[in-house]
Protein backbone atom coordinates (compact mmCIF):
# COMPACT_ATOMS: atom_id res chain seq x y z
CA MET A 1 5.53 -24.76 12.36
CA SER A 2 5.39 -21.56 11.63
CA TYR A 3 4.97 -21.04 7.84
CA VAL A 4 1.69 -21.37 6.54
CA THR A 5 0.77 -22.91 3.46
CA PRO A 6 -0.50 -20.92 0.08
CA THR A 7 -3.78 -22.77 0.05
CA ASP A 8 -4.11 -21.67 3.74
CA PHE A 9 -3.27 -18.05 3.43
CA ALA A 10 -5.38 -17.78 0.35
CA ARG A 11 -8.32 -18.92 2.48
CA LYS A 12 -7.15 -16.33 5.18
CA MET A 13 -7.23 -13.68 2.72
CA ILE A 14 -10.96 -14.07 1.68
CA ASP A 15 -11.83 -14.49 5.57
CA ALA A 16 -10.22 -11.02 6.21
CA GLY A 17 -12.16 -9.63 3.17
CA GLU A 18 -14.93 -10.81 4.41
CA ALA A 19 -14.61 -9.66 8.33
CA LYS A 20 -13.98 -6.39 6.64
CA VAL A 21 -16.87 -5.81 5.10
CA PHE A 22 -19.00 -6.42 8.03
CA MET A 23 -16.72 -4.52 10.53
CA SER A 24 -18.66 -1.72 12.48
CA THR A 25 -18.46 1.91 11.08
CA LYS A 26 -16.80 3.04 14.36
CA ASP A 27 -14.13 0.26 14.21
CA THR A 28 -13.50 0.70 10.40
CA LEU A 29 -12.61 4.40 11.21
CA ILE A 30 -10.42 3.96 13.86
CA ARG A 31 -8.31 1.24 12.47
CA ALA A 32 -7.99 3.37 9.12
CA TYR A 33 -7.32 6.38 10.80
CA MET A 34 -4.29 5.15 13.25
CA ALA A 35 -3.11 3.37 10.09
CA GLY A 36 -2.98 6.36 8.20
CA ALA A 37 -1.49 8.17 10.76
CA ILE A 38 1.37 5.49 11.44
CA LEU A 39 2.48 5.16 7.67
CA ALA A 40 2.64 8.91 7.63
CA LEU A 41 4.82 9.03 10.41
CA ALA A 42 6.83 6.45 9.11
CA ALA A 43 7.09 8.33 5.94
CA ALA A 44 7.99 11.53 7.78
CA PHE A 45 11.11 9.42 9.53
CA ALA A 46 12.37 7.95 6.29
CA VAL A 47 12.30 11.51 4.73
CA THR A 48 14.18 12.51 7.91
CA VAL A 49 16.47 9.90 7.93
CA THR A 50 17.13 10.61 4.00
CA VAL A 51 18.04 14.23 4.57
CA ASN A 52 20.31 13.69 7.66
CA THR A 53 22.25 10.93 6.16
CA GLY A 54 22.18 11.85 2.66
CA ASN A 55 21.39 8.34 1.44
CA PRO A 56 17.81 7.43 0.50
CA LEU A 57 18.87 3.50 0.67
CA ILE A 58 18.82 4.01 4.49
CA GLY A 59 15.32 5.90 4.77
CA ALA A 60 13.94 3.29 2.67
CA LEU A 61 15.35 0.49 4.93
CA LEU A 62 13.95 1.93 7.81
CA PHE A 63 10.75 2.65 6.28
CA PRO A 64 8.85 -0.78 6.45
CA VAL A 65 8.94 -0.39 10.30
CA GLY A 66 5.64 1.77 10.12
CA PHE A 67 4.25 -0.68 8.22
CA CYS A 68 4.73 -3.85 10.31
CA MET A 69 3.53 -1.95 13.21
CA LEU A 70 0.26 -0.88 11.51
CA TYR A 71 -0.08 -4.12 10.54
CA LEU A 72 0.90 -6.13 13.82
CA LEU A 73 -1.97 -3.61 15.68
CA GLY A 74 -4.48 -4.53 13.54
CA PHE A 75 -5.32 -1.54 11.51
CA ASP A 76 -6.20 -1.12 7.84
CA LEU A 77 -4.97 0.72 4.96
CA LEU A 78 -6.62 1.37 1.72
CA THR A 79 -4.30 -0.69 -0.42
CA GLY A 80 -4.97 -3.42 1.69
CA VAL A 81 -8.55 -3.43 1.36
CA PHE A 82 -8.23 -2.89 -2.35
CA THR A 83 -6.88 -6.52 -2.39
CA LEU A 84 -8.68 -8.58 0.30
CA VAL A 85 -12.16 -7.18 0.24
CA PRO A 86 -13.30 -8.01 -3.69
CA LEU A 87 -11.99 -11.57 -3.14
CA ALA A 88 -14.95 -12.20 -0.12
CA LEU A 89 -16.96 -10.82 -3.05
CA ILE A 90 -15.78 -12.94 -5.99
CA ASP A 91 -15.87 -15.92 -3.22
CA ARG A 92 -19.48 -15.34 -2.87
CA ARG A 93 -19.33 -14.91 0.69
CA ARG A 94 -22.71 -14.78 2.36
CA GLY A 95 -23.88 -11.04 2.72
CA VAL A 96 -20.89 -9.78 0.97
CA THR A 97 -22.27 -7.31 -1.51
CA MET A 98 -20.81 -4.69 -4.00
CA LYS A 99 -22.40 -1.72 -1.62
CA GLY A 100 -20.76 -3.61 1.38
CA MET A 101 -17.48 -3.64 -0.38
CA LEU A 102 -17.93 0.00 -1.48
CA ARG A 103 -19.15 1.37 1.95
CA ASN A 104 -15.61 -0.27 3.49
CA TRP A 105 -13.36 1.12 0.72
CA GLY A 106 -14.91 4.72 1.57
CA LEU A 107 -14.85 4.52 5.10
CA VAL A 108 -11.00 3.14 5.05
CA PHE A 109 -9.99 6.10 2.62
CA CYS A 110 -11.62 8.73 4.78
CA GLY A 111 -9.97 7.37 8.14
CA ASN A 112 -6.48 7.09 6.16
CA PHE A 113 -6.90 10.52 4.94
CA ALA A 114 -7.42 11.99 8.14
CA GLY A 115 -4.93 10.18 9.78
CA ALA A 116 -2.32 11.18 7.32
CA PHE A 117 -3.34 14.87 7.73
CA THR A 118 -3.13 15.05 11.17
CA VAL A 119 0.68 13.86 10.85
CA ALA A 120 1.03 16.13 8.18
CA ILE A 121 -0.28 18.95 10.50
CA PHE A 122 1.84 17.84 13.20
CA MET A 123 5.24 17.44 11.13
CA ALA A 124 4.60 21.25 9.55
CA ILE A 125 4.30 22.72 12.91
CA ILE A 126 7.55 20.75 14.17
CA VAL A 127 9.60 21.86 10.91
CA THR A 128 8.72 25.34 10.92
CA PHE A 129 8.48 25.95 14.93
CA GLY A 130 4.94 26.25 14.61
CA TRP A 131 5.19 28.28 11.47
CA SER A 132 7.09 31.03 13.22
CA GLU A 133 10.24 30.45 10.89
CA ALA A 134 10.98 29.02 7.33
CA PRO A 135 10.88 24.99 6.95
CA ASN A 136 14.27 23.23 7.96
CA ALA A 137 16.03 20.94 5.68
CA VAL A 138 13.23 18.25 5.89
CA GLY A 139 10.46 20.34 5.54
CA GLU A 140 12.15 21.75 2.33
CA LYS A 141 12.53 18.19 0.97
CA ILE A 142 8.61 17.46 1.62
CA GLY A 143 7.89 20.37 -0.35
CA HIS A 144 9.95 19.37 -3.29
CA ILE A 145 8.46 15.94 -3.15
CA GLY A 146 5.25 17.23 -3.65
CA GLU A 147 6.20 19.80 -6.49
CA GLY A 148 8.30 16.91 -8.57
CA ARG A 149 5.45 14.20 -8.24
CA THR A 150 2.53 16.63 -9.14
CA VAL A 151 3.26 19.23 -11.80
CA GLY A 152 6.71 17.34 -12.76
CA TYR A 153 3.92 14.60 -14.12
CA ALA A 154 1.93 17.41 -15.42
CA ALA A 155 4.78 18.70 -17.69
CA HIS A 156 5.18 15.48 -19.48
CA GLY A 157 1.64 15.40 -20.23
CA ALA A 158 -0.23 12.06 -21.36
CA ALA A 159 3.26 10.54 -20.68
CA GLY A 160 3.45 11.51 -16.90
CA MET A 161 -0.11 10.43 -16.47
CA LEU A 162 0.85 7.14 -17.79
CA THR A 163 3.96 6.62 -15.62
CA LEU A 164 2.17 8.02 -12.37
CA PHE A 165 -0.65 5.09 -13.41
CA VAL A 166 2.02 2.59 -13.73
CA ARG A 167 4.08 3.45 -10.36
CA ALA A 168 0.49 3.48 -8.42
CA VAL A 169 0.08 -0.42 -9.84
CA MET A 170 3.70 -1.42 -9.26
CA CYS A 171 3.31 -0.03 -5.80
CA ASN A 172 0.31 -1.89 -4.53
CA TRP A 173 1.77 -4.75 -6.10
CA MET A 174 4.75 -4.76 -3.84
CA VAL A 175 2.51 -3.24 -0.72
CA SER A 176 -0.58 -6.21 -1.23
CA THR A 177 2.39 -8.68 -1.46
CA GLY A 178 3.74 -7.70 2.09
CA VAL A 179 -0.16 -7.90 3.48
CA VAL A 180 -0.26 -11.45 2.32
CA ALA A 181 3.40 -12.15 3.17
CA ALA A 182 2.36 -11.49 6.87
CA MET A 183 -0.22 -14.49 6.53
CA MET A 184 2.58 -16.57 5.57
CA SER A 185 3.80 -16.83 9.07
CA THR A 186 2.37 -17.29 12.54
CA SER A 187 5.40 -15.93 14.28
CA VAL A 188 5.78 -12.11 15.02
CA SER A 189 9.27 -12.39 13.52
CA GLY A 190 8.30 -14.20 10.40
CA LYS A 191 5.11 -11.74 9.67
CA ILE A 192 7.94 -8.79 10.18
CA MET A 193 10.85 -10.49 7.77
CA ALA A 194 8.11 -11.25 4.86
CA MET A 195 6.49 -7.92 5.27
CA TRP A 196 9.67 -5.76 5.16
CA MET A 197 11.22 -7.09 1.98
CA PRO A 198 8.38 -5.77 -0.74
CA ILE A 199 7.69 -2.34 1.37
CA LEU A 200 11.30 -1.64 1.09
CA ILE A 201 11.12 -2.31 -2.51
CA PHE A 202 7.95 -0.21 -3.16
CA PHE A 203 9.51 2.85 -0.96
CA TYR A 204 13.16 2.87 -2.88
CA MET A 205 11.99 2.65 -6.16
CA GLY A 206 9.71 5.66 -5.40
CA PHE A 207 6.14 3.99 -6.61
CA GLU A 208 3.19 5.73 -5.79
CA HIS A 209 1.29 5.11 -2.60
CA SER A 210 -2.15 6.86 -2.22
CA ILE A 211 -1.97 6.84 1.91
CA VAL A 212 1.82 7.91 2.00
CA ASN A 213 0.67 10.66 -0.68
CA MET A 214 -1.89 11.59 1.76
CA PHE A 215 0.98 12.94 3.90
CA LEU A 216 3.51 14.32 1.73
CA PHE A 217 1.32 16.13 -0.60
CA PRO A 218 -0.69 17.94 2.28
CA ALA A 219 2.44 18.64 4.21
CA GLY A 220 3.76 19.90 1.09
CA LEU A 221 0.94 22.64 0.55
CA LEU A 222 1.12 23.29 4.28
CA LEU A 223 4.76 23.95 3.99
CA GLY A 224 4.55 26.38 0.79
CA GLY A 225 5.15 23.69 -1.83
CA ASN A 226 4.73 25.29 -5.48
CA PHE A 227 1.68 23.22 -6.36
CA THR A 228 -1.97 23.40 -5.96
CA ILE A 229 -4.79 21.13 -4.14
CA MET A 230 -6.01 20.46 -8.14
CA ASP A 231 -2.23 19.57 -8.94
CA TYR A 232 -2.44 17.02 -5.95
CA MET A 233 -5.52 15.46 -6.63
CA ILE A 234 -5.77 15.60 -10.71
CA TRP A 235 -1.97 14.87 -11.09
CA ASN A 236 -1.31 12.27 -8.22
CA GLU A 237 -4.12 11.27 -5.66
CA ILE A 238 -6.95 9.96 -7.59
CA PRO A 239 -5.00 8.36 -10.38
CA THR A 240 -2.95 6.45 -7.51
CA VAL A 241 -5.93 5.52 -5.92
CA VAL A 242 -6.96 3.96 -9.37
CA GLY A 243 -3.74 2.54 -9.99
CA ASN A 244 -3.36 1.18 -6.24
CA LEU A 245 -6.52 -0.65 -6.80
CA VAL A 246 -5.28 -2.37 -10.37
CA GLY A 247 -2.31 -3.42 -8.98
CA GLY A 248 -3.18 -5.03 -5.83
CA LEU A 249 -6.24 -6.77 -6.93
CA THR A 250 -4.71 -7.68 -10.40
CA PHE A 251 -1.30 -9.04 -9.36
CA VAL A 252 -1.62 -10.18 -5.82
CA GLY A 253 -5.45 -10.77 -4.73
CA ALA A 254 -6.76 -12.34 -8.25
CA MET A 255 -3.78 -14.17 -8.95
CA ILE A 256 -3.44 -16.03 -5.44
CA TYR A 257 -6.94 -16.62 -5.74
CA ALA A 258 -7.14 -18.14 -8.92
CA THR A 259 -3.94 -20.51 -8.61
CA HIS A 260 -4.13 -21.33 -4.57
CA HIS A 261 -8.04 -21.20 -4.17
CA LYS A 262 -9.79 -22.11 -7.17
CA THR A 263 -7.18 -24.47 -8.23
CA SER A 264 -7.63 -26.34 -11.57
CA PRO A 265 -7.31 -30.01 -11.71
CA GLU A 266 -4.24 -32.16 -12.29
CA LEU A 267 -3.53 -33.37 -15.63
CA ASP A 268 -4.32 -36.86 -16.06
CA ARG A 269 -1.14 -38.99 -15.44
CA ASP A 270 -1.92 -42.18 -17.29
CA ALA A 271 -2.66 -40.00 -20.42
CA ALA A 272 0.75 -38.01 -20.46
CA PRO A 273 3.08 -39.23 -23.13
CA ALA A 274 5.58 -42.08 -22.48
CA PRO A 275 9.24 -40.88 -21.98
CA VAL A 276 11.38 -41.12 -25.02
CA ALA A 277 14.16 -43.55 -24.71
CA VAL A 278 17.42 -41.99 -25.75
CA PRO A 279 20.03 -44.41 -27.02
CA ALA A 280 23.30 -44.98 -25.18
CA GLU A 281 26.34 -43.75 -27.02
């Protein structure tokens, strides 16, 4: 049977988090680099589909192919380790420390950014023929995304920052649900089906994903987007990273841990009140 029960996949989540803490620096960086690159390529693919069809739903329907690929290949996203690694610390796994967790997060962040930035450079070259002409329609779309989701938030001040943060929280609520959902099945087809649904939701709803943004915004800057590096960092990347951490750990990791791994005792059946008899009419 390919279905894995919640109790079993909750344990798998903790085991996965523990393994990531002790992974070598080389392996952590390579896996993070490839994850960032593949997700960035999927984002470029989705933008291209949206521009060519004029229908953002089609782009969102196809975007999860990148997430499924990187997960099945065993690569790591920052959004995933935000959810899994703290569980090993909370569960007091032997040798797992705050320092080890922060080391993992730092390495994965760097690897994801390097991979996404590599694809940003490649796509900038492609849509401008090596910067020999103005960006094509896909390049213009990427540049406008960067503007709207940096200076667009800034124009609303504190309300814009709150909106950005909530979008980031909801993003990793969905993305981490996809990570966990893949553990519910032992078959490749089952994993893909389970992952596809929450990733589709996050992308179509326009939620803020820190690694997707590591591609979109540097690419936008390379293509002449009307915003700055500081706009990108302050009005997107930093709040998005924090929101992704809160969303994944709070609404996915902690909830599953609390109810499926640290299950509370059942109520005493003998102490339950007797059912009230209903008189017949």
